[in-house]
């Protein structure tokens, strides 16, 4: 099996996909049925396949709340 690191996946692209995948899993818990962002399932195996296939990175998400920049208030909140 091909290794993601040796496949030449850029760290920034991999990080964007992992954040998207985490966001998708979070949304699945909130909404157990139906499609989320056009997908009915998004497994870890599919995430690996997406990375190995070289799919373009999704929109960048906040590393703390996993929201898109327009919906993120993390920089305004002091924790």
N, C-alpha and C. Protein backbone atom coordinates (compact mmCIF):
# COMPACT_ATOMS: atom_id res chain seq x y z
N UNK A 1 0.85 -1.18 0.00
CA UNK A 1 0.00 0.00 0.00
C UNK A 1 0.89 1.24 0.00
N UNK A 2 0.47 2.21 -0.74
CA UNK A 2 1.21 3.46 -0.86
C UNK A 2 1.13 4.27 0.44
N UNK A 3 2.23 4.83 0.87
CA UNK A 3 2.29 5.64 2.07
C UNK A 3 1.96 7.09 1.71
N UNK A 4 1.18 7.76 2.55
CA UNK A 4 0.78 9.14 2.27
C UNK A 4 2.01 10.05 2.20
N UNK A 5 2.97 9.83 3.06
CA UNK A 5 4.17 10.67 3.06
C UNK A 5 4.96 10.47 1.78
N UNK A 6 5.17 9.22 1.38
CA UNK A 6 5.93 8.98 0.15
C UNK A 6 5.13 9.32 -1.10
N UNK A 7 3.83 9.49 -0.96
CA UNK A 7 3.00 9.87 -2.11
C UNK A 7 3.17 11.35 -2.45
N UNK A 8 3.84 12.09 -1.58
CA UNK A 8 4.10 13.50 -1.86
C UNK A 8 2.95 14.43 -1.50
N UNK A 9 2.09 14.00 -0.60
CA UNK A 9 0.98 14.86 -0.16
C UNK A 9 1.56 15.99 0.68
N UNK A 10 1.25 17.22 0.30
CA UNK A 10 1.75 18.36 1.06
C UNK A 10 1.10 18.41 2.43
N UNK A 11 1.88 18.81 3.41
CA UNK A 11 1.38 18.86 4.79
C UNK A 11 0.17 19.78 4.91
N UNK A 12 0.20 20.91 4.23
CA UNK A 12 -0.92 21.87 4.28
C UNK A 12 -2.19 21.25 3.70
N UNK A 13 -2.06 20.50 2.62
CA UNK A 13 -3.21 19.84 1.99
C UNK A 13 -3.76 18.76 2.91
N UNK A 14 -2.88 17.96 3.47
CA UNK A 14 -3.30 16.89 4.38
C UNK A 14 -4.00 17.49 5.61
N UNK A 15 -3.46 18.55 6.15
CA UNK A 15 -4.06 19.19 7.33
C UNK A 15 -5.45 19.73 7.00
N UNK A 16 -5.61 20.33 5.82
CA UNK A 16 -6.91 20.86 5.42
C UNK A 16 -7.94 19.73 5.30
N UNK A 17 -7.52 18.61 4.71
CA UNK A 17 -8.43 17.47 4.57
C UNK A 17 -8.78 16.86 5.92
N UNK A 18 -7.81 16.75 6.82
CA UNK A 18 -8.08 16.18 8.14
C UNK A 18 -9.04 17.07 8.92
N UNK A 19 -8.86 18.39 8.86
CA UNK A 19 -9.79 19.29 9.53
C UNK A 19 -11.19 19.18 8.93
N UNK A 20 -11.27 19.07 7.60
CA UNK A 20 -12.57 18.90 6.95
C UNK A 20 -13.21 17.59 7.41
N UNK A 21 -12.40 16.51 7.45
CA UNK A 21 -12.92 15.21 7.88
C UNK A 21 -13.42 15.29 9.32
N UNK A 22 -12.68 15.92 10.21
CA UNK A 22 -13.12 16.07 11.60
C UNK A 22 -14.42 16.87 11.67
N UNK A 23 -14.49 17.96 10.87
CA UNK A 23 -15.72 18.76 10.83
C UNK A 23 -16.88 17.90 10.36
N UNK A 24 -16.66 17.08 9.32
CA UNK A 24 -17.72 16.24 8.77
C UNK A 24 -18.21 15.26 9.83
N UNK A 25 -17.28 14.64 10.57
CA UNK A 25 -17.66 13.71 11.62
C UNK A 25 -18.48 14.41 12.71
N UNK A 26 -18.07 15.62 13.05
CA UNK A 26 -18.78 16.42 14.05
C UNK A 26 -20.21 16.71 13.57
N UNK A 27 -20.35 17.09 12.31
CA UNK A 27 -21.67 17.38 11.74
C UNK A 27 -22.52 16.11 11.68
N UNK A 28 -21.91 14.96 11.43
CA UNK A 28 -22.64 13.69 11.39
C UNK A 28 -23.25 13.39 12.75
N UNK A 29 -22.54 13.72 13.82
CA UNK A 29 -23.09 13.51 15.16
C UNK A 29 -24.29 14.42 15.39
N UNK A 30 -24.25 15.62 14.88
CA UNK A 30 -25.36 16.56 15.03
C UNK A 30 -26.55 16.17 14.16
N UNK A 31 -26.26 15.63 13.00
CA UNK A 31 -27.29 15.27 12.01
C UNK A 31 -27.03 13.83 11.55
N UNK A 32 -27.58 12.84 12.26
CA UNK A 32 -27.24 11.45 11.97
C UNK A 32 -27.74 10.91 10.63
N UNK A 33 -28.68 11.57 10.00
CA UNK A 33 -29.18 11.09 8.71
C UNK A 33 -29.04 12.17 7.65
N UNK A 34 -29.06 11.75 6.40
CA UNK A 34 -28.97 12.69 5.29
C UNK A 34 -27.54 13.01 4.90
N UNK A 35 -27.41 13.76 3.84
CA UNK A 35 -26.10 14.13 3.31
C UNK A 35 -25.56 15.36 4.03
N UNK A 36 -24.28 15.37 4.25
CA UNK A 36 -23.59 16.53 4.81
C UNK A 36 -22.58 16.97 3.78
N UNK A 37 -22.73 18.19 3.32
CA UNK A 37 -21.85 18.74 2.30
C UNK A 37 -21.77 17.81 1.08
N UNK A 38 -22.92 17.20 0.75
CA UNK A 38 -23.01 16.35 -0.43
C UNK A 38 -22.55 14.92 -0.23
N UNK A 39 -22.18 14.54 0.99
CA UNK A 39 -21.68 13.18 1.26
C UNK A 39 -22.58 12.50 2.28
N UNK A 40 -22.88 11.25 2.04
CA UNK A 40 -23.64 10.45 3.00
C UNK A 40 -22.71 9.73 3.97
N UNK A 41 -21.47 9.50 3.56
CA UNK A 41 -20.47 8.91 4.45
C UNK A 41 -19.10 9.47 4.09
N UNK A 42 -18.23 9.49 5.07
CA UNK A 42 -16.87 9.97 4.87
C UNK A 42 -15.99 9.26 5.88
N UNK A 43 -15.54 8.08 5.53
CA UNK A 43 -14.76 7.24 6.42
C UNK A 43 -13.28 7.63 6.39
N UNK A 44 -12.54 7.08 7.33
CA UNK A 44 -11.09 7.30 7.35
C UNK A 44 -10.46 6.73 6.08
N UNK A 45 -10.98 5.62 5.61
CA UNK A 45 -10.47 5.03 4.37
C UNK A 45 -10.67 5.95 3.18
N UNK A 46 -11.83 6.60 3.13
CA UNK A 46 -12.08 7.54 2.04
C UNK A 46 -11.16 8.75 2.16
N UNK A 47 -10.91 9.20 3.38
CA UNK A 47 -9.97 10.30 3.59
C UNK A 47 -8.59 9.94 3.05
N UNK A 48 -8.13 8.74 3.33
CA UNK A 48 -6.83 8.29 2.82
C UNK A 48 -6.84 8.23 1.30
N UNK A 49 -7.91 7.73 0.73
CA UNK A 49 -8.03 7.63 -0.73
C UNK A 49 -7.98 9.03 -1.37
N UNK A 50 -8.68 9.98 -0.76
CA UNK A 50 -8.70 11.37 -1.26
C UNK A 50 -7.28 11.94 -1.25
N UNK A 51 -6.55 11.70 -0.17
CA UNK A 51 -5.18 12.20 -0.06
C UNK A 51 -4.28 11.54 -1.11
N UNK A 52 -4.38 10.24 -1.26
CA UNK A 52 -3.53 9.54 -2.23
C UNK A 52 -3.88 9.90 -3.67
N UNK A 53 -5.15 10.21 -3.92
CA UNK A 53 -5.57 10.60 -5.27
C UNK A 53 -5.16 12.02 -5.62
N UNK A 54 -4.74 12.79 -4.62
CA UNK A 54 -4.30 14.16 -4.88
C UNK A 54 -5.43 15.14 -5.11
N UNK A 55 -6.60 14.86 -4.51
CA UNK A 55 -7.72 15.80 -4.66
C UNK A 55 -7.33 17.16 -4.10
N UNK A 56 -7.86 18.20 -4.70
CA UNK A 56 -7.58 19.56 -4.25
C UNK A 56 -8.05 19.74 -2.81
N UNK A 57 -7.31 20.52 -2.06
CA UNK A 57 -7.63 20.74 -0.66
C UNK A 57 -8.96 21.48 -0.54
N UNK A 58 -9.75 21.13 0.47
CA UNK A 58 -10.98 21.87 0.72
C UNK A 58 -10.65 23.24 1.31
N UNK A 59 -11.67 24.06 1.48
CA UNK A 59 -11.47 25.38 2.08
C UNK A 59 -10.86 25.23 3.46
N UNK A 60 -9.97 26.11 3.81
CA UNK A 60 -9.27 26.07 5.09
C UNK A 60 -10.27 26.27 6.23
N UNK A 61 -10.12 25.49 7.29
CA UNK A 61 -10.98 25.57 8.47
C UNK A 61 -10.13 25.91 9.69
N UNK A 62 -10.77 26.48 10.68
CA UNK A 62 -10.10 26.82 11.94
C UNK A 62 -9.65 25.53 12.62
N UNK A 63 -8.44 25.52 13.15
CA UNK A 63 -7.92 24.36 13.84
C UNK A 63 -8.58 24.10 15.19
N UNK A 64 -9.24 25.13 15.75
CA UNK A 64 -9.88 24.97 17.07
C UNK A 64 -11.35 24.56 16.95
N UNK A 65 -12.13 25.31 16.15
CA UNK A 65 -13.57 25.05 16.10
C UNK A 65 -14.00 24.33 14.82
N UNK A 66 -13.11 24.19 13.85
CA UNK A 66 -13.35 23.50 12.58
C UNK A 66 -14.33 24.23 11.66
N UNK A 67 -14.64 25.47 11.98
CA UNK A 67 -15.54 26.25 11.12
C UNK A 67 -14.74 26.96 10.04
N UNK A 68 -15.44 27.37 8.99
CA UNK A 68 -14.82 28.18 7.94
C UNK A 68 -14.50 29.56 8.52
N UNK A 69 -13.53 30.27 7.97
CA UNK A 69 -13.14 31.57 8.54
C UNK A 69 -14.30 32.55 8.74
N UNK A 70 -15.26 32.56 7.83
CA UNK A 70 -16.39 33.48 7.96
C UNK A 70 -17.28 33.16 9.16
N UNK A 71 -17.27 31.91 9.60
CA UNK A 71 -18.12 31.48 10.72
C UNK A 71 -17.36 31.30 12.02
N UNK A 72 -16.06 31.58 12.03
CA UNK A 72 -15.20 31.34 13.19
C UNK A 72 -15.06 32.61 14.03
N UNK A 73 -15.26 32.44 15.33
CA UNK A 73 -15.09 33.56 16.26
C UNK A 73 -13.95 33.32 17.23
N UNK A 74 -13.13 32.32 16.98
CA UNK A 74 -12.06 31.95 17.90
C UNK A 74 -11.09 33.09 18.18
N UNK A 75 -10.80 33.89 17.19
CA UNK A 75 -9.83 34.98 17.38
C UNK A 75 -10.42 36.11 18.23
N UNK A 76 -11.75 36.16 18.33
CA UNK A 76 -12.40 37.22 19.11
C UNK A 76 -12.60 36.80 20.56
N UNK A 77 -12.54 35.51 20.81
CA UNK A 77 -12.81 34.99 22.15
C UNK A 77 -11.49 34.74 22.88
N UNK A 78 -11.38 35.28 24.05
CA UNK A 78 -10.19 35.06 24.88
C UNK A 78 -10.45 33.87 25.78
N UNK A 79 -9.60 32.85 25.66
CA UNK A 79 -9.80 31.63 26.49
C UNK A 79 -8.76 31.52 27.54
